[in-house]
Every structure is written in C-alpha cells, then in structure tokens.
N, C-alpha and C. Protein backbone atom coordinates (compact mmCIF):
# COMPACT_ATOMS: atom_id res chain seq x y z
N MET A 1 90.54 -230.42 -89.05
CA MET A 1 88.84 -230.64 -89.39
C MET A 1 89.24 -230.83 -90.86
N SER A 2 88.38 -232.04 -90.91
CA SER A 2 88.05 -232.68 -92.32
C SER A 2 87.55 -231.41 -93.16
N PRO A 3 88.16 -232.17 -94.06
CA PRO A 3 87.59 -230.75 -94.50
C PRO A 3 85.65 -230.81 -95.35
N ASN A 4 85.10 -232.56 -95.12
CA ASN A 4 84.11 -232.78 -95.12
C ASN A 4 83.43 -232.91 -93.10
N ASP A 5 83.78 -232.53 -91.90
CA ASP A 5 83.00 -232.53 -90.94
C ASP A 5 82.24 -230.43 -90.66
N TRP A 6 81.63 -230.95 -90.76
CA TRP A 6 80.89 -229.69 -91.14
C TRP A 6 80.46 -229.16 -89.34
N GLU A 7 80.62 -227.88 -89.43
CA GLU A 7 80.51 -227.15 -87.47
C GLU A 7 79.65 -225.64 -87.46
N GLU A 8 78.87 -225.73 -86.84
CA GLU A 8 78.48 -225.22 -86.61
C GLU A 8 78.77 -223.75 -85.51
N CYS A 9 78.01 -222.44 -85.91
CA CYS A 9 79.28 -221.10 -85.54
C CYS A 9 78.42 -219.78 -85.13
N PHE A 10 78.90 -219.35 -84.45
CA PHE A 10 78.36 -217.83 -84.80
C PHE A 10 79.52 -217.47 -85.34
N LEU A 11 78.82 -216.13 -86.14
CA LEU A 11 79.74 -214.48 -86.44
C LEU A 11 79.59 -213.58 -85.43
N LEU A 12 81.28 -213.48 -84.20
CA LEU A 12 81.21 -212.61 -83.22
C LEU A 12 81.52 -211.46 -83.55
N HIS A 13 82.86 -211.68 -85.06
CA HIS A 13 82.99 -209.90 -85.13
C HIS A 13 83.76 -209.89 -87.17
N GLN A 14 84.15 -209.41 -87.35
CA GLN A 14 85.05 -209.62 -88.76
C GLN A 14 85.63 -208.13 -88.99
N ARG A 15 86.66 -208.26 -89.77
CA ARG A 15 86.89 -207.50 -90.29
C ARG A 15 87.89 -207.77 -91.63
N SER A 16 88.50 -206.20 -91.89
CA SER A 16 88.22 -206.68 -94.09
C SER A 16 90.16 -207.40 -93.52
N TYR A 17 90.42 -208.05 -94.47
CA TYR A 17 92.21 -207.91 -94.72
C TYR A 17 92.41 -207.88 -95.82
N GLY A 18 92.89 -207.15 -96.48
CA GLY A 18 93.68 -206.93 -97.58
C GLY A 18 92.06 -205.99 -98.69
N ASP A 19 92.71 -206.34 -99.56
CA ASP A 19 91.58 -206.01 -100.19
C ASP A 19 90.27 -206.60 -100.85
N THR A 20 90.10 -207.73 -101.13
CA THR A 20 88.71 -208.92 -100.86
C THR A 20 89.08 -210.13 -99.17
N SER A 21 89.43 -209.97 -98.27
CA SER A 21 88.88 -210.86 -97.86
C SER A 21 88.42 -210.47 -96.30
N ILE A 22 88.39 -211.17 -95.90
CA ILE A 22 87.76 -211.13 -94.44
C ILE A 22 88.40 -212.12 -93.56
N ILE A 23 88.40 -211.42 -92.01
CA ILE A 23 89.09 -212.24 -90.60
C ILE A 23 88.02 -212.43 -90.05
N ALA A 24 87.60 -213.07 -89.74
CA ALA A 24 85.84 -213.54 -88.71
C ALA A 24 86.19 -214.26 -87.12
N GLU A 25 85.82 -213.65 -86.53
CA GLU A 25 86.15 -214.27 -84.86
C GLU A 25 84.91 -214.60 -84.24
N ILE A 26 84.37 -215.77 -84.43
CA ILE A 26 83.35 -217.23 -84.94
C ILE A 26 83.10 -217.99 -83.00
N PHE A 27 82.50 -218.08 -82.93
CA PHE A 27 82.52 -219.31 -82.37
C PHE A 27 81.86 -220.25 -82.40
N THR A 28 82.46 -221.62 -82.40
CA THR A 28 81.36 -222.93 -82.98
C THR A 28 81.15 -223.84 -81.40
N ARG A 29 79.91 -224.77 -82.26
CA ARG A 29 79.81 -225.58 -80.92
C ARG A 29 80.68 -226.53 -79.91
N LYS A 30 82.33 -227.03 -81.29
CA LYS A 30 83.56 -228.01 -80.54
C LYS A 30 84.66 -227.15 -80.11
N SER A 31 84.60 -225.89 -80.84
CA SER A 31 86.11 -225.57 -80.98
C SER A 31 86.08 -224.12 -80.39
N GLY A 32 85.35 -223.31 -79.21
CA GLY A 32 85.21 -222.77 -79.16
C GLY A 32 84.92 -221.23 -80.16
N LYS A 33 85.14 -220.29 -79.78
CA LYS A 33 86.15 -218.88 -79.87
C LYS A 33 86.87 -219.16 -80.72
N MET A 34 87.05 -218.20 -82.07
CA MET A 34 88.83 -218.51 -82.75
C MET A 34 88.53 -217.78 -84.25
N SER A 35 89.40 -218.14 -84.78
CA SER A 35 89.97 -216.86 -86.54
C SER A 35 89.68 -217.45 -87.33
N VAL A 36 89.25 -217.25 -88.26
CA VAL A 36 89.42 -217.88 -89.77
C VAL A 36 89.48 -216.91 -90.44
N ILE A 37 90.44 -217.04 -91.81
CA ILE A 37 90.13 -215.97 -93.18
C ILE A 37 89.19 -216.62 -94.21
N ALA A 38 88.78 -215.96 -94.35
CA ALA A 38 87.63 -215.90 -95.43
C ALA A 38 88.50 -215.46 -96.97
N ARG A 39 89.54 -215.89 -97.87
CA ARG A 39 89.69 -215.43 -98.71
C ARG A 39 88.75 -215.15 -100.23
N GLY A 40 89.01 -213.71 -100.60
CA GLY A 40 87.75 -213.49 -101.94
C GLY A 40 86.53 -213.48 -100.84
N ALA A 41 85.95 -213.23 -99.84
CA ALA A 41 84.58 -212.53 -99.76
C ALA A 41 84.14 -211.83 -99.52
N LYS A 42 84.98 -211.06 -100.13
CA LYS A 42 84.40 -208.83 -100.33
C LYS A 42 84.26 -209.11 -101.93
N LYS A 43 84.40 -210.01 -102.65
CA LYS A 43 83.76 -210.87 -103.81
C LYS A 43 83.13 -211.18 -104.48
N PRO A 44 82.11 -210.40 -105.30
CA PRO A 44 80.84 -211.19 -105.10
C PRO A 44 80.11 -211.93 -105.72
N LYS A 45 81.50 -212.64 -106.56
CA LYS A 45 81.06 -214.20 -107.22
C LYS A 45 81.51 -214.49 -106.33
N SER A 46 81.92 -214.86 -104.80
CA SER A 46 82.66 -215.60 -103.89
C SER A 46 82.09 -216.58 -103.08
N LYS A 47 82.06 -217.78 -103.34
CA LYS A 47 80.75 -218.69 -102.61
C LYS A 47 80.76 -217.68 -100.78
N PHE A 48 81.76 -217.46 -100.16
CA PHE A 48 81.60 -216.68 -99.03
C PHE A 48 80.43 -215.01 -99.03
N PHE A 49 80.40 -214.87 -100.16
CA PHE A 49 79.38 -213.48 -100.26
C PHE A 49 78.32 -213.40 -99.50
N GLY A 50 78.20 -212.79 -98.73
CA GLY A 50 76.70 -212.47 -98.29
C GLY A 50 76.10 -212.47 -96.52
N TYR A 51 77.81 -214.04 -96.36
CA TYR A 51 77.12 -215.25 -95.60
C TYR A 51 77.67 -214.68 -94.22
N LEU A 52 78.97 -214.11 -94.66
CA LEU A 52 79.21 -213.62 -92.92
C LEU A 52 78.34 -212.58 -92.08
N VAL A 53 77.18 -212.98 -92.26
CA VAL A 53 77.02 -211.36 -91.00
C VAL A 53 76.16 -212.65 -89.60
N PRO A 54 76.30 -211.00 -88.47
CA PRO A 54 76.02 -211.20 -87.71
C PRO A 54 75.00 -211.90 -86.79
N PHE A 55 74.86 -212.38 -86.13
CA PHE A 55 73.49 -213.84 -85.40
C PHE A 55 72.64 -214.18 -86.06
N SER A 56 74.19 -214.83 -87.19
CA SER A 56 73.47 -216.31 -88.46
C SER A 56 74.00 -216.96 -87.82
N LYS A 57 72.97 -218.42 -87.54
CA LYS A 57 73.96 -219.41 -87.31
C LYS A 57 74.61 -220.42 -88.30
N LEU A 58 75.30 -220.19 -88.07
CA LEU A 58 76.01 -220.80 -89.77
C LEU A 58 76.10 -222.68 -89.74
N GLN A 59 76.79 -222.96 -90.64
CA GLN A 59 77.31 -223.88 -90.87
C GLN A 59 78.90 -224.13 -91.56
N ILE A 60 80.17 -224.28 -90.78
CA ILE A 60 81.51 -224.21 -91.73
C ILE A 60 82.20 -225.04 -91.93
N THR A 61 83.26 -225.43 -92.70
CA THR A 61 84.29 -225.91 -93.07
C THR A 61 85.52 -225.00 -93.72
N TYR A 62 86.24 -225.68 -92.47
CA TYR A 62 87.71 -224.60 -92.39
C TYR A 62 89.33 -225.46 -91.98
N SER A 63 90.13 -225.20 -92.43
CA SER A 63 91.58 -225.98 -92.66
C SER A 63 91.99 -225.30 -91.95
N GLY A 64 93.58 -226.22 -91.34
CA GLY A 64 94.74 -225.01 -91.45
C GLY A 64 95.11 -225.30 -89.66
N ARG A 65 96.65 -225.92 -89.55
CA ARG A 65 97.21 -226.22 -88.28
C ARG A 65 97.81 -224.67 -87.11
N SER A 66 97.53 -223.59 -87.87
CA SER A 66 97.70 -222.31 -87.23
C SER A 66 96.76 -221.78 -86.33
N GLU A 67 96.96 -220.59 -85.67
CA GLU A 67 95.73 -219.73 -85.15
C GLU A 67 95.19 -219.80 -85.82
N LEU A 68 95.13 -219.37 -86.70
CA LEU A 68 94.30 -218.64 -88.01
C LEU A 68 93.53 -219.84 -89.41
N LYS A 69 92.53 -220.20 -88.92
CA LYS A 69 92.21 -221.39 -89.42
C LYS A 69 91.92 -221.02 -91.48
N THR A 70 91.65 -221.26 -92.03
CA THR A 70 90.87 -220.30 -93.57
C THR A 70 89.74 -221.74 -94.23
N LEU A 71 88.46 -220.48 -93.81
CA LEU A 71 87.70 -220.99 -94.40
C LEU A 71 87.17 -221.79 -95.95
N THR A 72 87.10 -223.08 -95.86
CA THR A 72 86.31 -223.79 -96.99
C THR A 72 84.38 -223.52 -97.83
N ASN A 73 84.79 -223.43 -96.41
CA ASN A 73 82.80 -223.69 -96.87
C ASN A 73 81.89 -222.93 -95.82
N ILE A 74 80.60 -222.48 -96.49
CA ILE A 74 79.96 -221.93 -95.18
C ILE A 74 78.81 -222.34 -96.06
N ASP A 75 77.34 -222.17 -95.26
CA ASP A 75 75.91 -222.08 -95.56
C ASP A 75 75.39 -221.65 -94.39
N ARG A 76 74.19 -220.75 -94.44
CA ARG A 76 74.00 -220.50 -93.06
C ARG A 76 71.89 -220.75 -93.17
N ASP A 77 72.06 -221.05 -91.46
CA ASP A 77 70.12 -221.22 -91.15
C ASP A 77 69.01 -220.30 -91.46
N LEU A 78 68.78 -220.06 -92.51
CA LEU A 78 67.74 -219.05 -92.74
C LEU A 78 66.13 -219.22 -91.72
N SER A 79 66.09 -220.63 -91.36
CA SER A 79 64.90 -220.45 -90.21
C SER A 79 64.75 -219.36 -89.13
N LEU A 80 66.35 -219.45 -88.85
CA LEU A 80 66.53 -218.56 -87.86
C LEU A 80 66.70 -216.95 -88.01
N LEU A 81 67.40 -216.75 -89.08
CA LEU A 81 67.09 -215.04 -89.77
C LEU A 81 66.49 -214.04 -89.64
N ASP A 82 66.23 -213.57 -89.11
CA ASP A 82 65.56 -212.39 -87.67
C ASP A 82 65.78 -210.85 -88.80
N ASN A 83 64.38 -211.09 -89.96
CA ASN A 83 64.46 -209.13 -90.30
C ASN A 83 64.45 -207.88 -88.99
N ASN A 84 64.25 -208.24 -88.47
CA ASN A 84 63.31 -206.94 -87.26
C ASN A 84 64.29 -207.25 -86.67
N LEU A 85 65.51 -206.93 -86.60
CA LEU A 85 66.76 -207.63 -85.98
C LEU A 85 67.26 -205.66 -85.12
N SER A 86 66.25 -204.53 -84.77
CA SER A 86 66.33 -203.26 -85.10
C SER A 86 66.87 -203.30 -84.18
N LYS A 87 65.23 -203.34 -82.69
CA LYS A 87 65.63 -202.96 -81.58
C LYS A 87 65.74 -204.48 -80.99
N LYS A 88 66.75 -205.04 -80.90
CA LYS A 88 67.64 -205.92 -80.03
C LYS A 88 69.53 -205.52 -81.27
N SER A 89 69.41 -204.94 -82.14
CA SER A 89 71.07 -205.46 -82.73
C SER A 89 71.82 -205.23 -80.95
N TYR A 90 71.30 -204.13 -81.07
CA TYR A 90 72.57 -203.05 -79.90
C TYR A 90 72.84 -205.03 -79.28
N SER A 91 71.94 -204.94 -77.89
CA SER A 91 71.35 -205.95 -77.39
C SER A 91 73.22 -207.29 -77.64
N LEU A 92 73.06 -207.36 -78.95
CA LEU A 92 72.88 -209.20 -79.57
C LEU A 92 75.09 -208.03 -79.27
N LEU A 93 74.83 -206.83 -80.39
CA LEU A 93 76.16 -207.00 -80.11
C LEU A 93 76.86 -206.18 -79.82
N TYR A 94 76.09 -206.01 -78.17
CA TYR A 94 76.14 -205.65 -76.46
C TYR A 94 77.47 -207.22 -76.71
N ILE A 95 76.26 -208.37 -76.27
CA ILE A 95 76.41 -209.58 -76.17
C ILE A 95 77.90 -211.00 -77.23
N ASN A 96 77.93 -210.08 -78.44
CA ASN A 96 78.96 -210.65 -78.94
C ASN A 96 80.44 -209.88 -77.82
N GLU A 97 80.16 -208.50 -78.05
CA GLU A 97 81.50 -208.14 -77.58
C GLU A 97 82.14 -208.40 -75.68
N LEU A 98 80.38 -209.43 -75.31
CA LEU A 98 81.04 -209.99 -74.21
C LEU A 98 81.96 -210.46 -74.60
N MET A 99 81.48 -211.04 -75.93
CA MET A 99 81.80 -213.23 -76.00
C MET A 99 83.90 -212.45 -76.64
N ILE A 100 83.84 -211.75 -77.53
CA ILE A 100 84.91 -211.45 -78.08
C ILE A 100 86.00 -211.38 -76.19
N LYS A 101 85.78 -210.05 -76.06
CA LYS A 101 86.41 -209.95 -74.85
C LYS A 101 87.04 -211.40 -74.16
N LEU A 102 86.02 -211.78 -72.73
CA LEU A 102 85.94 -212.43 -71.93
C LEU A 102 86.09 -214.02 -72.92
N LEU A 103 86.39 -214.68 -73.95
CA LEU A 103 86.57 -215.82 -73.98
C LEU A 103 87.73 -216.18 -74.44
N PRO A 104 88.50 -217.73 -73.74
CA PRO A 104 89.92 -217.48 -74.68
C PRO A 104 89.97 -217.89 -75.66
N LYS A 105 90.84 -218.31 -77.07
CA LYS A 105 90.69 -218.22 -77.81
C LYS A 105 90.44 -219.94 -77.45
N ASP A 106 90.33 -221.17 -78.54
CA ASP A 106 90.48 -222.50 -78.44
C ASP A 106 89.68 -223.16 -77.39
N ALA A 107 88.55 -223.13 -76.85
CA ALA A 107 88.49 -223.41 -75.35
C ALA A 107 87.35 -223.84 -75.72
N ALA A 108 86.44 -224.66 -75.96
CA ALA A 108 85.00 -224.72 -76.20
C ALA A 108 84.63 -225.46 -74.90
N ASN A 109 83.15 -224.31 -75.03
CA ASN A 109 82.47 -224.37 -74.47
C ASN A 109 81.18 -224.84 -75.54
N GLU A 110 79.89 -226.55 -74.63
CA GLU A 110 78.93 -225.96 -75.90
C GLU A 110 77.89 -226.21 -74.70
N ASP A 111 77.79 -225.42 -73.72
CA ASP A 111 76.50 -224.99 -72.62
C ASP A 111 76.84 -223.26 -73.05
N LEU A 112 77.89 -223.09 -73.35
CA LEU A 112 77.77 -221.23 -73.75
C LEU A 112 77.18 -221.34 -75.28
N PHE A 113 77.76 -222.21 -75.77
CA PHE A 113 77.19 -222.13 -77.43
C PHE A 113 75.65 -222.61 -77.50
N ASN A 114 75.10 -223.16 -76.71
CA ASN A 114 73.12 -223.69 -76.78
C ASN A 114 73.13 -222.02 -75.70
N LEU A 115 73.72 -222.42 -75.14
CA LEU A 115 72.72 -220.13 -74.50
C LEU A 115 72.50 -219.40 -75.55
N TYR A 116 73.81 -219.08 -76.34
CA TYR A 116 74.03 -218.02 -77.44
C TYR A 116 73.43 -218.33 -78.02
N SER A 117 72.94 -220.04 -78.49
CA SER A 117 71.91 -220.37 -79.40
C SER A 117 70.61 -219.74 -78.92
N SER A 118 70.33 -219.89 -78.09
CA SER A 118 68.73 -219.61 -76.81
C SER A 118 68.13 -218.14 -77.76
N ILE A 119 69.38 -217.15 -77.47
CA ILE A 119 69.18 -215.31 -77.31
C ILE A 119 68.88 -215.33 -78.57
N GLN A 120 69.54 -216.56 -79.64
CA GLN A 120 68.95 -215.77 -81.17
C GLN A 120 67.52 -215.95 -81.11
N SER A 121 67.03 -216.62 -81.04
CA SER A 121 65.54 -216.61 -80.26
C SER A 121 64.13 -215.88 -79.84
N SER A 122 64.77 -214.85 -79.01
CA SER A 122 64.26 -213.77 -77.90
C SER A 122 63.70 -212.97 -78.21
N VAL A 123 63.06 -212.41 -77.09
CA VAL A 123 61.85 -211.25 -77.60
C VAL A 123 61.84 -210.91 -76.88
N ASP A 124 62.35 -210.88 -75.56
CA ASP A 124 62.67 -209.54 -74.28
C ASP A 124 63.76 -209.57 -74.32
N MET A 125 64.72 -208.49 -74.39
CA MET A 125 65.42 -208.28 -74.42
C MET A 125 66.17 -208.07 -72.86
N ARG A 126 65.08 -207.66 -72.33
CA ARG A 126 65.71 -206.75 -70.98
C ARG A 126 66.19 -207.15 -69.78
N PHE A 127 65.41 -208.71 -70.03
CA PHE A 127 65.27 -209.58 -68.79
C PHE A 127 66.60 -210.66 -69.60
N LEU A 128 66.61 -210.54 -70.84
CA LEU A 128 67.69 -211.65 -71.22
C LEU A 128 69.41 -210.65 -70.96
N LEU A 129 69.78 -209.83 -71.81
CA LEU A 129 71.35 -209.42 -71.21
C LEU A 129 71.50 -209.54 -69.50
N ARG A 130 70.40 -208.79 -68.34
CA ARG A 130 70.82 -209.15 -67.74
C ARG A 130 71.25 -211.23 -66.89
N SER A 131 70.11 -212.03 -67.53
CA SER A 131 70.77 -213.33 -67.37
C SER A 131 71.97 -214.06 -68.10
N PHE A 132 72.31 -212.89 -69.19
CA PHE A 132 73.00 -214.41 -70.01
C PHE A 132 74.20 -213.66 -69.66
N GLU A 133 74.55 -212.38 -69.32
CA GLU A 133 75.94 -211.90 -68.33
C GLU A 133 75.97 -212.53 -67.18
N LEU A 134 74.84 -212.91 -66.37
CA LEU A 134 75.49 -213.80 -64.78
C LEU A 134 75.90 -214.86 -65.36
N ASP A 135 74.64 -215.74 -66.60
CA ASP A 135 75.01 -216.90 -67.16
C ASP A 135 76.94 -217.31 -67.47
N LEU A 136 76.97 -215.93 -68.65
CA LEU A 136 78.18 -215.79 -68.99
C LEU A 136 79.44 -216.40 -67.93
N LEU A 137 79.45 -215.54 -66.53
CA LEU A 137 80.07 -214.97 -65.53
C LEU A 137 80.31 -216.34 -64.64
N GLU A 138 79.00 -217.04 -64.42
CA GLU A 138 79.49 -218.39 -64.16
C GLU A 138 79.87 -219.87 -64.89
N MET A 139 79.81 -219.51 -65.47
CA MET A 139 79.65 -220.42 -67.51
C MET A 139 81.58 -219.89 -67.05
N LEU A 140 82.36 -218.62 -67.40
CA LEU A 140 83.44 -218.79 -66.61
C LEU A 140 83.80 -219.34 -65.51
N GLY A 141 83.44 -219.29 -64.54
CA GLY A 141 84.17 -219.61 -63.33
C GLY A 141 84.27 -217.99 -61.92
N TYR A 142 82.68 -217.51 -62.64
CA TYR A 142 83.16 -215.38 -62.38
C TYR A 142 81.82 -215.74 -61.15
N GLY A 143 81.43 -216.09 -61.35
CA GLY A 143 79.57 -216.54 -61.20
C GLY A 143 79.48 -216.08 -59.42
N ILE A 144 78.13 -215.11 -59.05
CA ILE A 144 78.06 -214.41 -57.83
C ILE A 144 76.55 -215.25 -57.02
N ASN A 145 76.99 -215.46 -56.11
CA ASN A 145 76.23 -215.65 -55.11
C ASN A 145 75.40 -215.43 -54.88
N PHE A 146 73.75 -215.28 -54.90
CA PHE A 146 72.87 -214.03 -54.57
C PHE A 146 72.01 -214.50 -53.35
N GLN A 147 72.39 -215.69 -53.30
CA GLN A 147 71.62 -217.16 -52.12
C GLN A 147 71.72 -216.42 -50.94
N THR A 148 73.21 -216.39 -51.01
CA THR A 148 73.46 -216.22 -49.17
C THR A 148 74.94 -215.34 -49.06
N ASP A 149 74.51 -214.80 -47.07
CA ASP A 149 75.40 -214.29 -47.44
C ASP A 149 76.57 -214.43 -46.62
N ILE A 150 77.65 -213.96 -46.86
CA ILE A 150 79.16 -214.37 -47.17
C ILE A 150 79.31 -214.70 -45.40
N ASP A 151 78.94 -214.11 -44.30
CA ASP A 151 79.69 -214.64 -43.50
C ASP A 151 78.23 -215.41 -42.33
N ALA A 152 77.56 -215.05 -42.25
CA ALA A 152 76.38 -216.20 -41.13
C ALA A 152 75.91 -216.86 -42.21
N HIS A 153 76.15 -217.12 -43.70
CA HIS A 153 75.82 -218.44 -44.46
C HIS A 153 74.07 -218.59 -44.61
N GLU A 154 73.59 -217.80 -44.22
CA GLU A 154 72.37 -217.56 -44.57
C GLU A 154 71.57 -216.98 -45.67
N PRO A 155 70.52 -216.94 -45.14
CA PRO A 155 69.88 -217.14 -47.10
C PRO A 155 69.38 -215.22 -46.67
N ILE A 156 69.90 -214.40 -47.81
CA ILE A 156 69.55 -213.84 -47.70
C ILE A 156 67.94 -212.68 -47.99
N GLU A 157 67.89 -211.75 -47.13
CA GLU A 157 66.46 -211.62 -46.86
C GLU A 157 66.38 -210.61 -48.36
N ALA A 158 64.85 -209.65 -47.85
CA ALA A 158 65.10 -208.93 -49.29
C ALA A 158 64.75 -207.65 -48.07
N THR A 159 64.53 -207.29 -47.43
CA THR A 159 64.09 -206.57 -45.97
C THR A 159 65.50 -206.20 -45.35
N LEU A 160 66.28 -206.62 -45.55
CA LEU A 160 67.92 -205.84 -44.93
C LEU A 160 68.40 -205.36 -45.64
N ASP A 161 69.46 -205.28 -45.97
CA ASP A 161 70.92 -204.29 -46.79
C ASP A 161 71.08 -205.76 -46.56
N TYR A 162 72.46 -205.05 -47.49
CA TYR A 162 74.01 -205.98 -48.19
C TYR A 162 74.75 -204.97 -48.66
N ILE A 163 75.65 -205.11 -48.07
CA ILE A 163 76.55 -204.33 -49.12
C ILE A 163 77.95 -205.64 -50.15
N PHE A 164 78.25 -205.37 -50.86
CA PHE A 164 78.23 -206.61 -51.77
C PHE A 164 80.46 -206.48 -52.26
N ILE A 165 81.13 -207.28 -51.66
CA ILE A 165 82.80 -207.05 -51.22
C ILE A 165 82.85 -208.48 -52.10
N ALA A 166 83.65 -207.53 -53.27
CA ALA A 166 84.37 -208.05 -54.33
C ALA A 166 85.31 -209.20 -53.81
N GLU A 167 84.88 -210.45 -55.17
CA GLU A 167 85.65 -211.84 -55.08
C GLU A 167 85.46 -212.45 -54.13
N ARG A 168 84.51 -211.96 -53.14
CA ARG A 168 83.67 -213.37 -51.68
C ARG A 168 82.33 -212.40 -52.07
N GLY A 169 80.94 -211.84 -52.89
CA GLY A 169 79.80 -212.28 -51.83
C GLY A 169 79.52 -210.99 -51.49
N PHE A 170 77.61 -211.39 -50.98
CA PHE A 170 76.90 -210.09 -50.63
C PHE A 170 77.22 -210.64 -48.90
N GLN A 171 77.41 -209.03 -47.78
CA GLN A 171 77.31 -208.98 -46.75
C GLN A 171 76.81 -208.18 -45.77
N SER A 172 75.74 -209.05 -44.87
CA SER A 172 74.99 -207.77 -44.34
C SER A 172 75.61 -206.62 -43.86
N SER A 173 74.62 -205.57 -44.39
CA SER A 173 75.33 -203.72 -43.95
C SER A 173 74.53 -203.61 -42.55
N ASP A 174 75.59 -202.80 -41.53
CA ASP A 174 74.12 -202.19 -41.02
C ASP A 174 75.25 -200.46 -41.15
N LYS A 175 73.37 -200.30 -42.43
CA LYS A 175 73.62 -198.79 -42.47
C LYS A 175 74.34 -197.85 -41.86
N ASN A 176 74.53 -198.13 -40.81
CA ASN A 176 75.07 -196.45 -39.22
C ASN A 176 76.26 -196.32 -39.67
N HIS A 177 77.32 -197.98 -40.04
CA HIS A 177 78.57 -197.42 -40.21
C HIS A 177 78.45 -196.90 -41.72
N TYR A 178 77.85 -195.95 -42.34
CA TYR A 178 78.47 -195.38 -43.30
C TYR A 178 78.05 -194.08 -43.34
C-alpha cells in the first residue's frame, strides 16, 4: 500500500504490545481482516492516541509486507460517532467477536464491509443481530435455506413441523416419531 492511499476500516479488537504500542485487528473495505501495529499509540502525544476506538469508522494508511502491518496514519469519521452506545455496545462487541473468529485474514469482502457499516447506524438491535448472523453465514458460504423442504423441494409452510438437518436444511417432520 502506498503511504498516500487511505483505506476505510473498523477496529474489531485491540491488545497491548509492550509498554506503548497496540496491535489492532481491523476490518478494511479493500483488504478484509488484518492486523496492524500502532507504535507508541498509548502515549498521549502520539498521533494514534484516542483514535483506536471500537465501532468508529477509521481512515488509515499502513506499510509493510509481513502479516503484521505498521499503522502510519489515522483519521476518524466523527459524524458516525454515537455517544449513547450503552444499549447496543454488547451487540456490537458480539458482532466484532464473530468477525474476529470467522473471517479469514486478508480476504476482502466489500459486501460484508458494507453490511458492517450499516449496523453502526442501526437503532433496533433485536432484529439486527439475527439478520447480521444470517447474512454473515450467507456471505461466508454457510447460508441456511429457510424457503424450501430439502426432500420435497416445496415451500416451507407455517402450519407444518420441520426438523433441521445439519449441512442440508429443513425436512418435514412427523411428530409421532418422537
């Protein structure tokens, strides 16, 4: 990456590295999930101090050829900053944890980045969590077919009973077999 090429990203997780630095797991629009080191980020005079905040859309530049890149510049989009995160913080932390655990490193997925961007402005977290989980599974190739029965290939009906068969889908069920 050229030092002048800014890239949009979100901070998924951070951890201390030494006395003054931070290693951050970020999710970028162009490169997917990656790790960067922000040298001296814990020092109050650092250009990174106070910028590595969860749920903020960041603009960054980085350098390096290894798996761990070096953060060179950072800026934050304050228009998306929500000071009332108390109710949705746990949901957003859960979503970040899913992203950390499920996404492979350096696999770009712009649709997933756009989906993640949209949750930042969402208000109703009850519906959002289930929707995000299903969309994430679909984008990773593990989507679940909620529309048709796996044997009869007919639409699923609300009045019938179904069982879920792993890696296949829903199959009509006869309650008397249980």
